[in-house]
N, C-alpha and C. Protein backbone atom coordinates (compact mmCIF):
# COMPACT_ATOMS: atom_id res chain seq x y z
N MET A 1 135.33 51.09 231.24
CA MET A 1 136.32 51.97 232.06
C MET A 1 137.79 52.99 231.57
N SER A 2 137.43 54.29 231.22
CA SER A 2 137.84 54.85 230.16
C SER A 2 139.19 54.71 229.55
N ILE A 3 139.24 54.27 227.91
CA ILE A 3 140.98 54.67 227.91
C ILE A 3 141.72 56.20 227.24
N PRO A 4 142.77 56.25 228.06
CA PRO A 4 143.32 57.62 227.78
C PRO A 4 143.76 57.84 226.49
N ASN A 5 143.76 59.24 226.17
CA ASN A 5 144.21 59.84 224.79
C ASN A 5 144.90 59.61 224.41
N GLU A 6 145.69 59.03 223.87
CA GLU A 6 147.40 59.86 223.47
C GLU A 6 148.02 60.42 222.86
N ASP A 7 147.46 61.03 222.23
CA ASP A 7 147.19 61.62 220.87
C ASP A 7 146.65 63.16 221.15
N ALA A 8 145.96 63.32 221.97
CA ALA A 8 145.40 65.00 222.77
C ALA A 8 146.21 65.87 223.64
N VAL A 9 146.19 66.61 222.85
CA VAL A 9 147.84 68.64 223.17
C VAL A 9 147.05 68.52 224.21
N SER A 10 148.24 68.37 226.21
CA SER A 10 148.38 68.80 226.89
C SER A 10 147.66 70.01 226.32
N PRO A 11 146.82 70.67 227.07
CA PRO A 11 146.18 72.73 227.67
C PRO A 11 147.58 72.88 227.84
N VAL A 12 148.34 72.71 228.90
CA VAL A 12 149.46 73.37 228.82
C VAL A 12 150.37 73.81 227.84
N ILE A 13 151.17 72.79 227.02
CA ILE A 13 151.32 72.58 226.47
C ILE A 13 150.91 73.97 225.39
N GLY A 14 149.47 73.71 224.78
CA GLY A 14 148.32 74.24 223.67
C GLY A 14 148.75 75.94 224.56
N VAL A 15 148.60 76.34 225.24
CA VAL A 15 148.73 78.13 225.44
C VAL A 15 150.65 78.64 225.94
N MET A 16 151.27 77.37 225.78
CA MET A 16 152.21 77.74 225.75
C MET A 16 153.07 77.98 223.90
N LEU A 17 152.06 76.77 223.11
CA LEU A 17 152.19 77.64 221.75
C LEU A 17 152.03 79.11 221.15
N MET A 18 150.91 79.04 221.24
CA MET A 18 149.71 80.51 221.59
C MET A 18 150.68 81.54 222.56
N LEU A 19 151.64 81.40 223.41
CA LEU A 19 152.33 82.46 223.66
C LEU A 19 154.08 82.97 222.55
N VAL A 20 153.91 81.58 222.49
CA VAL A 20 155.18 81.64 221.23
C VAL A 20 154.67 82.65 219.91
N VAL A 21 153.60 81.93 219.58
CA VAL A 21 153.06 82.71 218.05
C VAL A 21 152.70 83.98 218.15
N THR A 22 152.34 84.20 219.76
CA THR A 22 152.57 85.98 220.18
C THR A 22 153.78 86.62 220.61
N ILE A 23 154.61 86.17 220.91
CA ILE A 23 155.80 86.41 220.90
C ILE A 23 156.39 86.71 219.21
N VAL A 24 156.42 85.72 218.66
CA VAL A 24 157.19 86.14 217.40
C VAL A 24 156.47 87.27 216.28
N ILE A 25 154.39 86.97 216.75
CA ILE A 25 154.25 88.15 216.48
C ILE A 25 154.56 89.76 216.23
N ALA A 26 155.05 89.60 218.01
CA ALA A 26 155.23 91.09 218.21
C ALA A 26 156.34 91.49 218.05
N ALA A 27 157.25 90.12 217.80
CA ALA A 27 158.76 90.66 217.59
C ALA A 27 158.73 91.45 216.02
N VAL A 28 157.62 90.85 214.51
CA VAL A 28 158.10 91.03 213.11
C VAL A 28 156.88 92.38 213.70
N VAL A 29 156.52 93.16 214.24
CA VAL A 29 155.44 94.10 214.38
C VAL A 29 156.47 95.18 214.56
N SER A 30 157.12 94.69 215.71
CA SER A 30 158.09 96.60 216.03
C SER A 30 159.02 96.41 215.52
N GLY A 31 159.56 95.02 215.05
CA GLY A 31 160.89 95.03 213.85
C GLY A 31 160.50 96.16 212.71
N PHE A 32 159.73 95.85 212.02
CA PHE A 32 158.76 96.34 210.74
C PHE A 32 159.12 98.19 211.28
N ALA A 33 157.58 98.81 212.34
CA ALA A 33 157.42 99.55 212.41
C ALA A 33 158.77 99.98 212.41
N GLY A 34 160.02 99.69 213.53
CA GLY A 34 160.97 100.28 213.59
C GLY A 34 161.94 100.86 212.31
N GLY A 35 161.74 99.97 212.03
CA GLY A 35 162.14 99.79 210.45
C GLY A 35 161.49 101.18 209.58
N LEU A 36 160.06 101.66 209.85
CA LEU A 36 159.91 102.44 208.97
C LEU A 36 160.30 104.10 209.53
N ALA A 37 160.14 103.92 211.28
CA ALA A 37 160.78 104.84 211.80
C ALA A 37 162.05 105.09 211.21
N GLY A 38 163.13 104.15 211.38
CA GLY A 38 164.39 104.44 211.12
C GLY A 38 164.46 105.53 209.51
N GLU A 39 163.33 104.98 208.47
CA GLU A 39 163.42 105.52 207.54
C GLU A 39 163.32 107.19 207.36
N THR A 40 163.37 107.67 208.68
CA THR A 40 162.28 108.92 208.53
C THR A 40 163.07 109.50 208.55
N ARG A 41 163.19 110.83 207.84
CA ARG A 41 164.23 112.07 207.21
C ARG A 41 163.77 113.06 208.72
N VAL A 42 164.53 113.72 209.64
CA VAL A 42 164.35 114.86 209.99
C VAL A 42 164.11 116.13 208.98
N ALA A 43 163.42 117.01 209.33
CA ALA A 43 163.45 118.02 208.15
C ALA A 43 164.43 119.28 208.56
N PRO A 44 165.04 120.36 208.27
CA PRO A 44 166.17 120.71 208.21
C PRO A 44 165.67 122.87 207.68
N THR A 45 165.71 122.90 208.91
CA THR A 45 165.45 124.74 210.00
C THR A 45 165.98 125.78 208.80
N ALA A 46 165.83 126.61 207.81
CA ALA A 46 165.90 127.54 207.32
C ALA A 46 165.24 128.85 207.56
N SER A 47 165.76 129.97 207.64
CA SER A 47 164.99 131.01 206.86
C SER A 47 165.66 131.27 205.50
N ILE A 48 165.02 131.80 205.09
CA ILE A 48 164.62 132.05 203.58
C ILE A 48 163.69 132.87 203.37
N ASP A 49 163.52 133.94 202.28
CA ASP A 49 163.04 135.01 201.65
C ASP A 49 162.56 134.94 201.17
N VAL A 50 161.42 135.00 200.67
CA VAL A 50 161.07 135.11 198.63
C VAL A 50 160.48 136.39 198.24
N LYS A 51 160.53 137.02 197.03
CA LYS A 51 159.76 138.21 196.84
C LYS A 51 159.90 137.69 195.21
N ILE A 52 158.68 138.31 194.62
CA ILE A 52 158.13 137.90 193.58
C ILE A 52 157.54 140.11 192.88
N TYR A 53 158.06 139.94 192.02
CA TYR A 53 158.42 141.31 191.39
C TYR A 53 156.85 140.41 190.03
N SER A 54 156.22 141.80 190.09
CA SER A 54 154.84 141.61 189.16
C SER A 54 156.05 142.35 187.78
N LEU A 55 156.54 143.98 187.84
CA LEU A 55 157.57 143.79 186.19
C LEU A 55 158.23 144.42 187.11
N GLU A 56 158.83 144.71 186.84
CA GLU A 56 160.86 145.07 186.88
C GLU A 56 161.56 145.92 186.14
N ASN A 57 162.65 146.35 186.27
CA ASN A 57 163.15 147.00 185.18
C ASN A 57 164.14 145.79 185.01
N TYR A 58 164.59 145.41 183.83
CA TYR A 58 165.91 144.67 183.52
C TYR A 58 167.07 144.84 182.36
N GLY A 59 167.77 145.28 182.31
CA GLY A 59 169.08 145.04 180.93
C GLY A 59 169.28 146.57 181.10
N ALA A 60 168.94 147.27 181.72
CA ALA A 60 169.27 149.06 181.83
C ALA A 60 170.53 149.01 181.10
N MET A 61 171.34 149.43 180.77
CA MET A 61 172.31 150.48 180.73
C MET A 61 172.85 151.87 179.71
N PRO A 62 172.63 152.38 181.38
CA PRO A 62 172.23 153.96 179.95
C PRO A 62 173.78 154.50 180.18
N PRO A 63 173.79 154.96 179.02
CA PRO A 63 173.16 155.84 178.17
C PRO A 63 172.78 155.13 177.20
N TRP A 64 173.13 154.36 177.02
CA TRP A 64 172.87 153.35 175.58
C TRP A 64 171.83 152.69 175.90
N GLY A 65 170.48 151.94 176.24
CA GLY A 65 169.26 151.65 176.87
C GLY A 65 168.82 152.04 178.01
N SER A 66 167.61 152.03 177.82
CA SER A 66 166.54 151.61 179.52
C SER A 66 166.02 150.43 179.77
N GLY A 67 166.74 149.41 178.66
CA GLY A 67 166.81 147.92 179.00
C GLY A 67 164.74 147.99 178.73
N TYR A 68 164.44 146.31 179.53
CA TYR A 68 162.98 146.52 179.52
C TYR A 68 162.49 146.16 180.95
N TYR A 69 161.00 145.74 180.84
CA TYR A 69 160.09 145.22 182.67
C TYR A 69 159.14 143.76 181.73
N CYS A 70 160.13 143.05 183.60
CA CYS A 70 158.67 141.73 183.03
C CYS A 70 158.52 141.08 184.61
N PRO A 71 157.66 139.95 184.57
CA PRO A 71 158.00 139.95 185.99
C PRO A 71 159.44 138.94 186.43
N GLY A 72 159.57 138.68 187.64
CA GLY A 72 160.96 137.99 188.29
C GLY A 72 160.37 137.67 190.19
N ILE A 73 161.21 136.47 190.04
CA ILE A 73 161.59 136.64 191.06
C ILE A 73 162.55 135.77 191.92
N VAL A 74 163.20 136.25 193.16
CA VAL A 74 164.38 136.34 193.96
C VAL A 74 163.98 135.46 195.14
N ILE A 75 164.23 134.45 195.61
CA ILE A 75 164.59 133.18 196.68
C ILE A 75 165.82 133.60 197.28
N GLU A 76 165.88 133.99 198.70
CA GLU A 76 167.35 133.56 199.64
C GLU A 76 167.36 132.90 200.18
N HIS A 77 168.27 132.67 200.16
CA HIS A 77 168.98 131.71 201.50
C HIS A 77 169.67 132.45 202.99
N LEU A 78 168.48 132.61 203.91
CA LEU A 78 169.02 134.10 205.32
C LEU A 78 170.22 132.43 205.71
N SER A 79 169.60 131.16 206.74
CA SER A 79 170.42 131.99 207.03
C SER A 79 170.23 129.69 207.53
N GLY A 80 170.86 128.76 208.58
CA GLY A 80 170.57 127.50 208.11
C GLY A 80 170.87 126.48 207.68
N ASP A 81 170.05 125.48 207.56
CA ASP A 81 170.92 124.22 207.08
C ASP A 81 171.34 124.02 205.40
N VAL A 82 172.34 123.67 204.49
CA VAL A 82 171.91 123.17 203.53
C VAL A 82 170.95 122.76 202.51
N LEU A 83 170.54 123.46 201.42
CA LEU A 83 169.20 122.68 201.11
C LEU A 83 169.42 121.88 199.44
N PRO A 84 170.09 120.58 199.92
CA PRO A 84 170.33 120.20 198.20
C PRO A 84 168.26 120.40 197.66
N THR A 85 168.86 121.19 196.49
CA THR A 85 167.58 121.22 195.72
C THR A 85 166.83 119.72 195.22
N LYS A 86 167.49 119.25 194.34
CA LYS A 86 167.08 117.84 194.11
C LYS A 86 165.96 117.51 195.67
N ASP A 87 165.76 118.19 196.41
CA ASP A 87 165.21 117.33 197.52
C ASP A 87 164.53 118.54 197.62
N LEU A 88 164.14 119.62 197.78
CA LEU A 88 163.23 119.86 197.11
C LEU A 88 162.41 120.06 195.92
N GLN A 89 160.60 121.05 196.47
CA GLN A 89 160.17 120.91 195.69
C GLN A 89 158.95 122.25 195.92
N ILE A 90 158.86 122.99 195.06
CA ILE A 90 158.30 124.38 195.12
C ILE A 90 156.75 124.54 194.94
N VAL A 91 155.74 124.31 195.62
CA VAL A 91 154.50 124.89 195.85
C VAL A 91 153.91 125.72 195.58
N THR A 92 152.83 126.21 194.57
CA THR A 92 152.01 127.36 194.54
C THR A 92 150.98 126.99 194.19
N TYR A 93 149.55 128.15 194.84
CA TYR A 93 148.61 128.53 194.96
C TYR A 93 148.42 130.04 194.52
N PHE A 94 146.94 130.47 193.35
CA PHE A 94 147.69 132.04 193.09
C PHE A 94 145.83 131.28 192.24
N THR A 95 144.85 132.38 192.80
CA THR A 95 143.67 132.92 191.64
C THR A 95 143.69 133.98 190.78
N ASN A 96 143.40 133.67 189.79
CA ASN A 96 143.62 134.38 188.59
C ASN A 96 142.33 135.18 188.59
N ALA A 97 142.89 136.03 188.10
CA ALA A 97 141.74 137.67 188.35
C ALA A 97 140.56 137.47 187.20
N SER A 98 140.61 136.78 186.31
CA SER A 98 140.56 136.37 184.89
C SER A 98 138.97 135.85 185.15
N SER A 99 139.57 134.50 185.68
CA SER A 99 139.08 133.83 184.75
C SER A 99 137.69 133.16 186.79
N GLY A 100 138.33 133.79 187.80
CA GLY A 100 138.36 133.26 189.44
C GLY A 100 138.84 131.67 189.76
N GLU A 101 138.99 131.58 188.98
CA GLU A 101 140.51 129.82 189.52
C GLU A 101 141.37 130.57 190.38
N ILE A 102 141.97 128.77 191.36
CA ILE A 102 141.94 128.66 191.82
C ILE A 102 143.56 128.04 191.07
N VAL A 103 144.74 128.97 190.93
CA VAL A 103 145.87 128.11 190.04
C VAL A 103 147.36 127.58 190.83
N LYS A 104 146.83 125.82 190.72
CA LYS A 104 147.94 125.65 191.55
C LYS A 104 149.73 125.64 190.21
N GLY A 105 150.59 126.25 190.75
CA GLY A 105 152.28 126.75 190.63
C GLY A 105 152.79 125.41 191.01
N GLY A 106 154.02 125.05 190.43
CA GLY A 106 155.30 124.20 190.28
C GLY A 106 156.21 124.32 190.05
N LEU A 107 157.33 123.34 191.76
CA LEU A 107 158.65 123.23 190.80
C LEU A 107 158.76 122.10 191.02
N GLU A 108 159.38 121.17 190.09
CA GLU A 108 159.77 119.50 190.88
C GLU A 108 161.54 119.06 189.32
N GLY A 109 162.01 119.33 190.09
CA GLY A 109 163.23 118.94 189.27
C GLY A 109 164.19 119.35 188.46
N GLU A 110 164.42 119.51 187.76
CA GLU A 110 164.89 119.43 186.78
C GLU A 110 163.96 120.11 184.97
N VAL A 111 163.21 121.37 185.42
CA VAL A 111 162.65 122.23 184.15
C VAL A 111 162.90 123.06 183.81
N TYR A 112 162.83 123.44 182.63
CA TYR A 112 164.15 123.54 181.34
C TYR A 112 163.21 125.00 180.42
N VAL A 113 162.44 125.92 180.71
CA VAL A 113 162.59 126.36 179.13
C VAL A 113 163.20 127.26 178.44
N PRO A 114 162.35 128.03 177.39
CA PRO A 114 163.25 128.22 176.29
C PRO A 114 163.43 129.51 176.60
N GLY A 115 164.20 130.54 175.28
CA GLY A 115 163.96 131.33 174.81
C GLY A 115 163.59 132.09 174.48
N ASP A 116 163.14 133.34 173.11
CA ASP A 116 162.96 133.99 172.65
C ASP A 116 163.88 134.06 171.16
N ASP A 117 163.57 134.81 169.75
CA ASP A 117 165.17 134.64 169.25
C ASP A 117 165.31 136.10 169.48
N SER A 118 163.96 136.42 169.26
CA SER A 118 164.22 138.65 170.11
C SER A 118 165.73 138.50 170.79
N TRP A 119 166.01 137.74 171.01
CA TRP A 119 166.87 137.89 172.89
C TRP A 119 168.26 137.55 172.01
N GLN A 120 168.71 138.09 172.06
CA GLN A 120 170.15 138.32 172.62
C GLN A 120 171.09 137.05 172.66
N SER A 121 170.51 137.14 174.29
CA SER A 121 171.60 136.18 175.40
C SER A 121 170.06 134.67 175.67
N TRP A 122 169.29 134.18 174.97
CA TRP A 122 168.74 133.54 175.26
C TRP A 122 167.71 133.17 174.18
N LYS A 123 168.01 132.25 173.71
CA LYS A 123 167.19 132.53 171.50
C LYS A 123 166.15 130.56 172.50
N SER A 124 165.79 130.86 171.19
CA SER A 124 164.68 129.29 171.07
C SER A 124 165.32 128.32 171.27
N THR A 125 166.02 128.40 171.15
CA THR A 125 167.04 126.81 170.51
C THR A 125 167.85 126.77 172.20
N GLN A 126 167.50 128.01 172.42
CA GLN A 126 167.99 127.23 174.12
C GLN A 126 167.16 127.68 175.06
N ASN A 127 167.98 126.25 176.18
CA ASN A 127 167.04 126.40 177.55
C ASN A 127 167.15 127.21 179.14
N CYS A 128 166.84 127.43 180.00
CA CYS A 128 167.04 127.95 180.34
C CYS A 128 166.62 127.55 182.02
N SER A 129 167.67 127.45 182.76
CA SER A 129 165.82 126.45 184.14
C SER A 129 164.88 127.05 184.53
N VAL A 130 164.21 127.16 184.69
CA VAL A 130 162.62 127.85 185.69
C VAL A 130 163.58 128.97 187.12
N LEU A 131 164.46 127.84 187.17
CA LEU A 131 165.04 128.95 188.83
C LEU A 131 166.56 127.74 188.83
N PHE A 132 167.45 129.09 188.91
CA PHE A 132 169.12 128.50 188.90
C PHE A 132 169.60 129.50 190.70
N LEU A 133 170.81 129.12 189.96
CA LEU A 133 171.61 129.98 191.59
C LEU A 133 172.65 130.25 191.02
N ASN A 134 172.15 131.50 190.93
CA ASN A 134 173.60 132.24 190.49
C ASN A 134 174.34 133.44 191.86
N ASP A 135 175.44 131.92 190.56
CA ASP A 135 176.52 132.28 191.79
C ASP A 135 177.73 131.91 190.71
N GLN A 136 178.50 132.82 189.91
CA GLN A 136 178.93 132.85 188.12
C GLN A 136 180.56 131.84 189.60
N ASN A 137 180.44 132.52 190.36
CA ASN A 137 181.87 132.21 191.33
C ASN A 137 182.03 130.46 191.64
N ARG A 138 181.06 130.10 191.43
CA ARG A 138 180.58 128.97 192.41
C ARG A 138 180.77 127.99 191.12
N PHE A 139 179.93 128.47 189.70
CA PHE A 139 179.74 128.07 188.99
C PHE A 139 180.29 128.84 187.90
N LYS A 140 181.00 127.95 186.66
CA LYS A 140 181.55 127.74 185.91
C LYS A 140 180.82 127.93 184.90
N SER A 141 180.37 127.71 184.11
CA SER A 141 179.39 126.94 183.20
C SER A 141 178.28 128.10 182.66
N SER A 142 178.01 128.69 181.72
CA SER A 142 176.94 128.64 181.20
C SER A 142 175.61 128.65 182.51
N THR A 143 174.60 129.93 182.25
CA THR A 143 172.97 128.94 182.91
C THR A 143 172.67 128.25 182.05
N ILE A 144 172.71 129.71 180.76
CA ILE A 144 171.73 129.17 179.35
C ILE A 144 172.59 128.27 178.13
N GLN A 145 172.26 126.98 178.40
CA GLN A 145 172.49 125.92 177.77
C GLN A 145 171.50 125.54 176.15
N ASN A 146 172.32 124.73 175.53
CA ASN A 146 171.42 123.98 174.54
C ASN A 146 171.44 122.90 174.85
N ASN A 147 171.65 122.27 175.66
CA ASN A 147 171.54 120.99 175.99
C ASN A 147 169.63 120.47 176.75
N THR A 148 169.94 119.42 177.71
CA THR A 148 168.85 120.11 178.84
C THR A 148 168.74 119.82 180.19
N GLY A 149 170.38 120.44 180.44
CA GLY A 149 171.15 120.27 181.89
C GLY A 149 172.33 121.21 182.95
N ASN A 150 172.08 121.45 183.69
CA ASN A 150 173.00 122.58 184.31
C ASN A 150 173.33 122.38 186.13
N GLU A 151 174.73 122.88 186.02
CA GLU A 151 175.16 122.59 187.45
C GLU A 151 174.06 123.38 188.51
N ASN A 152 174.09 124.17 188.06
CA ASN A 152 173.36 125.62 189.16
C ASN A 152 171.91 125.28 188.72
N TRP A 153 171.19 124.65 187.68
CA TRP A 153 170.13 124.11 187.14
C TRP A 153 169.29 124.14 189.01
N PHE A 154 167.97 124.33 189.83
CA PHE A 154 167.10 124.34 190.56
C PHE A 154 166.72 122.57 190.03
N GLY A 155 166.94 122.01 191.02
CA GLY A 155 167.13 119.60 190.64
C GLY A 155 167.91 119.76 190.63
N ASN A 156 169.53 120.49 190.13
CA ASN A 156 170.21 119.44 189.35
C ASN A 156 170.51 118.81 190.24
N ILE A 157 171.90 117.92 190.82
CA ILE A 157 172.33 117.43 192.69
C ILE A 157 173.61 118.12 192.55
N SER A 158 174.20 118.90 191.69
CA SER A 158 175.02 119.51 191.95
C SER A 158 174.70 121.25 192.74
N ALA A 159 173.53 121.16 192.34
CA ALA A 159 172.53 122.38 193.19
C ALA A 159 172.12 122.69 194.78
N THR A 160 173.34 123.12 195.51
CA THR A 160 173.03 123.05 197.03
C THR A 160 172.79 123.72 197.35
N PHE A 161 171.94 124.85 197.59
CA PHE A 161 171.28 126.02 198.33
C PHE A 161 171.47 126.34 199.76
N ARG A 162 172.98 127.38 199.84
CA ARG A 162 172.87 127.21 201.46
C ARG A 162 173.66 128.75 201.12
N PRO A 163 173.02 129.15 203.07
CA PRO A 163 173.19 130.44 203.29
C PRO A 163 173.63 131.11 202.08
N GLY A 164 173.56 132.54 201.85
CA GLY A 164 173.45 133.48 201.07
C GLY A 164 173.41 133.58 200.30
N ASP A 165 173.38 132.31 199.86
CA ASP A 165 172.72 131.69 198.25
C ASP A 165 171.25 132.55 197.69
N ILE A 166 170.88 132.74 196.37
CA ILE A 166 170.21 133.12 196.00
C ILE A 166 169.34 131.90 194.54
N LEU A 167 168.46 132.00 194.65
CA LEU A 167 167.90 131.12 193.33
C LEU A 167 167.02 132.27 192.78
N CYS A 168 166.84 132.83 191.33
CA CYS A 168 165.76 133.33 191.19
C CYS A 168 165.90 132.69 189.35
N ASP A 169 164.93 133.28 188.73
CA ASP A 169 164.55 132.93 187.31
C ASP A 169 165.54 133.71 186.12
N PRO A 170 165.72 133.20 185.58
CA PRO A 170 166.26 134.65 184.26
C PRO A 170 165.71 135.90 183.57
N HIS A 171 165.21 136.19 184.92
CA HIS A 171 164.55 137.44 184.02
C HIS A 171 165.76 138.44 183.56
N GLY A 172 166.65 138.03 183.70
CA GLY A 172 168.04 139.51 183.28
C GLY A 172 168.03 138.33 181.83
N PHE A 173 167.73 137.37 181.80
CA PHE A 173 168.29 136.87 179.62
C PHE A 173 167.01 137.36 179.02
N ALA A 174 165.44 138.03 179.36
CA ALA A 174 164.22 138.29 178.73
C ALA A 174 164.37 139.47 177.76
N GLY A 175 165.46 140.05 177.39
CA GLY A 175 165.37 141.09 176.69
C GLY A 175 166.46 141.86 176.18
N ASN A 176 166.55 142.69 176.00
CA ASN A 176 168.02 143.46 175.49
C ASN A 176 167.88 144.67 176.15
N TYR A 177 169.32 145.20 176.81
CA TYR A 177 169.43 146.41 177.26
C TYR A 177 169.11 147.57 176.11
N ASN A 178 169.26 147.17 174.87
CA ASN A 178 168.41 148.64 174.40
C ASN A 178 166.94 148.51 174.00
N ASP A 179 166.61 146.88 174.32
CA ASP A 179 164.61 147.11 173.80
C ASP A 179 164.47 148.79 174.25
N ASN A 180 164.87 148.98 175.05
CA ASN A 180 163.74 150.50 175.27
C ASN A 180 162.52 150.13 176.15
N HIS A 181 161.60 149.06 176.96
CA HIS A 181 161.03 148.88 176.43
C HIS A 181 159.14 149.10 177.81
N LYS A 182 158.69 150.19 178.01
CA LYS A 182 157.96 150.61 179.13
C LYS A 182 157.18 150.02 179.40
N PRO A 183 156.88 150.02 180.48
CA PRO A 183 156.14 148.98 182.13
C PRO A 183 154.92 148.91 180.71
N ASP A 184 153.72 149.87 180.12
CA ASP A 184 153.10 149.37 179.58
C ASP A 184 153.00 147.87 178.10
N ASN A 185 154.87 147.76 178.20
CA ASN A 185 155.02 146.84 177.13
C ASN A 185 155.87 145.63 177.36
N PRO A 186 155.39 145.11 178.57
CA PRO A 186 156.17 144.13 179.74
C PRO A 186 156.41 142.92 178.64
N HIS A 187 157.50 142.31 179.14
CA HIS A 187 158.31 140.61 178.67
C HIS A 187 157.44 140.25 178.94
N VAL A 188 157.20 139.00 178.57
CA VAL A 188 156.76 137.74 179.11
C VAL A 188 157.62 137.00 179.26
N ASN A 189 157.90 136.18 180.05
CA ASN A 189 158.77 135.20 180.72
C ASN A 189 158.71 133.81 180.62
N PRO A 190 158.81 133.42 179.51
CA PRO A 190 158.80 132.10 179.97
C PRO A 190 158.98 131.02 181.33
N ALA A 191 160.05 131.50 182.49
CA ALA A 191 159.72 130.74 183.32
C ALA A 191 158.84 131.09 184.40
N MET A 192 158.38 132.13 184.70
CA MET A 192 157.64 132.98 185.84
C MET A 192 156.36 132.31 184.61
N ASN A 193 155.69 132.35 183.83
CA ASN A 193 155.05 131.60 183.36
C ASN A 193 154.80 130.09 183.91
N GLU A 194 155.34 129.48 184.05
CA GLU A 194 156.09 127.69 184.14
C GLU A 194 155.87 127.45 185.21
N LEU A 195 156.09 128.98 186.19
CA LEU A 195 156.94 128.13 188.03
C LEU A 195 155.17 128.06 188.66
N PHE A 196 154.43 129.89 187.54
CA PHE A 196 152.97 129.47 189.14
C PHE A 196 151.67 129.55 187.66
N GLY A 197 152.23 128.59 186.67
CA GLY A 197 150.88 129.01 185.90
C GLY A 197 149.78 129.41 185.34
N VAL A 198 150.09 130.40 185.23
CA VAL A 198 149.79 131.60 184.29
C VAL A 198 150.57 132.36 183.96
N ASN A 199 150.06 133.49 182.87
CA ASN A 199 150.75 134.31 182.48
C ASN A 199 151.27 136.06 183.42
N CYS A 200 152.07 136.08 183.55
CA CYS A 200 152.65 136.85 184.80
C CYS A 200 152.73 137.49 184.80
N SER A 201 152.57 138.05 182.91
CA SER A 201 152.98 139.84 182.99
C SER A 201 151.40 140.03 181.80
N ASP A 202 150.48 139.39 181.82
CA ASP A 202 149.40 139.88 181.89
C ASP A 202 148.76 140.41 183.02
N ALA A 203 148.22 141.79 182.81
CA ALA A 203 147.67 142.35 184.82
C ALA A 203 145.98 141.31 184.24
N SER A 204 145.55 141.15 183.13
CA SER A 204 144.21 141.60 183.85
C SER A 204 144.00 139.09 184.88
N SER A 205 145.50 139.05 184.77
CA SER A 205 145.20 137.24 185.61
C SER A 205 145.48 138.18 186.62
N GLY A 206 145.53 139.10 187.22
CA GLY A 206 145.84 139.55 189.16
C GLY A 206 147.20 139.76 189.36
N PHE A 207 147.81 138.54 187.95
CA PHE A 207 149.56 139.58 188.75
C PHE A 207 149.68 140.49 188.80
N VAL A 208 149.74 141.12 190.07
CA VAL A 208 149.62 142.45 190.06
C VAL A 208 150.40 142.78 191.92
N PRO A 209 151.32 144.58 191.86
CA PRO A 209 151.09 144.35 193.23
C PRO A 209 149.78 144.60 194.21
N GLY A 210 150.14 143.85 195.25
CA GLY A 210 149.29 143.41 196.39
C GLY A 210 148.36 142.92 195.91
N ALA A 211 148.65 141.42 195.03
CA ALA A 211 148.24 140.57 195.21
C ALA A 211 148.52 139.46 196.07
N VAL A 212 148.74 137.87 195.88
CA VAL A 212 149.08 137.00 197.31
C VAL A 212 149.33 135.77 196.72
N VAL A 213 150.08 135.22 196.75
CA VAL A 213 150.28 134.15 196.89
C VAL A 213 151.75 133.46 197.51
N ASP A 214 150.51 132.25 197.72
CA ASP A 214 150.96 131.17 198.40
C ASP A 214 152.11 130.26 198.25
N PHE A 215 152.58 130.48 198.90
CA PHE A 215 153.83 130.15 198.26
C PHE A 215 155.12 128.84 199.37
N LYS A 216 154.77 128.04 198.64
CA LYS A 216 155.80 126.95 199.84
C LYS A 216 156.77 125.80 199.10
N ILE A 217 157.94 125.89 199.94
CA ILE A 217 158.87 124.64 199.41
C ILE A 217 158.46 123.64 199.98
N LEU A 218 158.93 122.52 199.95
CA LEU A 218 158.77 121.20 200.53
C LEU A 218 160.32 120.13 200.30
N HIS A 219 160.31 120.21 201.73
CA HIS A 219 161.91 119.10 201.38
C HIS A 219 161.61 117.44 202.08
N LYS A 220 160.97 117.66 200.11
CA LYS A 220 161.27 115.85 200.38
C LYS A 220 160.84 114.60 201.03
N PRO A 221 162.31 114.35 201.15
CA PRO A 221 162.53 113.29 202.49
C PRO A 221 162.01 113.56 203.63
N SER A 222 161.57 113.95 204.43
CA SER A 222 160.76 114.90 205.35
C SER A 222 158.93 114.74 205.72
N GLY A 223 159.09 115.19 204.23
CA GLY A 223 157.34 115.55 204.36
C GLY A 223 157.59 116.40 204.20
N LYS A 224 158.40 117.43 205.28
CA LYS A 224 157.72 118.94 205.64
C LYS A 224 158.01 120.47 205.39
N TYR A 225 157.50 121.89 205.28
CA TYR A 225 157.32 122.58 204.64
C TYR A 225 158.36 123.90 205.60
N VAL A 226 159.79 123.75 204.39
CA VAL A 226 161.01 124.88 204.78
C VAL A 226 160.79 125.84 204.89
N PHE A 227 159.61 126.61 203.91
CA PHE A 227 158.85 127.62 204.10
C PHE A 227 157.43 127.55 203.57
N ASP A 228 156.34 128.29 204.35
CA ASP A 228 155.21 128.29 203.89
C ASP A 228 154.42 129.75 204.37
N ARG A 229 154.11 130.51 203.13
CA ARG A 229 153.70 131.78 203.77
C ARG A 229 153.03 132.33 202.26
N GLU A 230 151.99 133.01 202.70
CA GLU A 230 151.30 134.66 201.73
C GLU A 230 152.89 135.10 201.34
N VAL A 231 153.21 135.40 200.35
CA VAL A 231 153.70 135.90 199.83
C VAL A 231 152.99 137.47 198.79
N VAL A 232 153.28 138.52 199.37
CA VAL A 232 152.97 139.75 198.91
C VAL A 232 153.42 139.95 197.29
N ILE A 233 153.30 140.12 196.68
CA ILE A 233 153.63 141.25 194.29
C ILE A 233 153.82 141.58 194.71
N ARG A 234 155.12 141.81 194.33
CA ARG A 234 155.54 143.56 195.26
C ARG A 234 155.33 144.15 193.22
């Protein structure tokens, strides 16, 4: 006669334990996945226009002076959601005609560049953001700063890009009204060079009318682009 083993676990109890463990694991996985889904931000929608200029005349004050020529960019928010610039990242791709290299440029955060001592409004000891919100009524302080930050600079927590707003580079400060320089003597624009990663004033780089820039504006919290187009240089 065999003696039953009282320490043996009933098969029914074993199955129940396995079910409990499976349910607990499923609940943990579901909660983790739900947390990840909850952190995903919905991408904003906005209609944005980007104009890139190889050479434009700036600073002219007829009859006292005809100004100067340099590259520039204007980004206009036509309609849609308000976009905090601290949440945005610009990514550009441009093919350098001299080297054939595809150059990646871009902008994220408050990036600033110094001016030139020959310029009355933007000296080498002064800084300006690569892009800033051009609204003197909304932002009272000067765009050009001796420090390293300003409320209307791209990337600043106060710099919200609203419908009707314009983001631009400091082309209006990159020279003097009485320089009287022609297109064959363009000014270097430090902000444009920083943004695109090439000397935009050097025609041999290919930064000329008709050339194409792959221009993207990324909304970082959602990982989605609010602007993604090829922009033809004017």
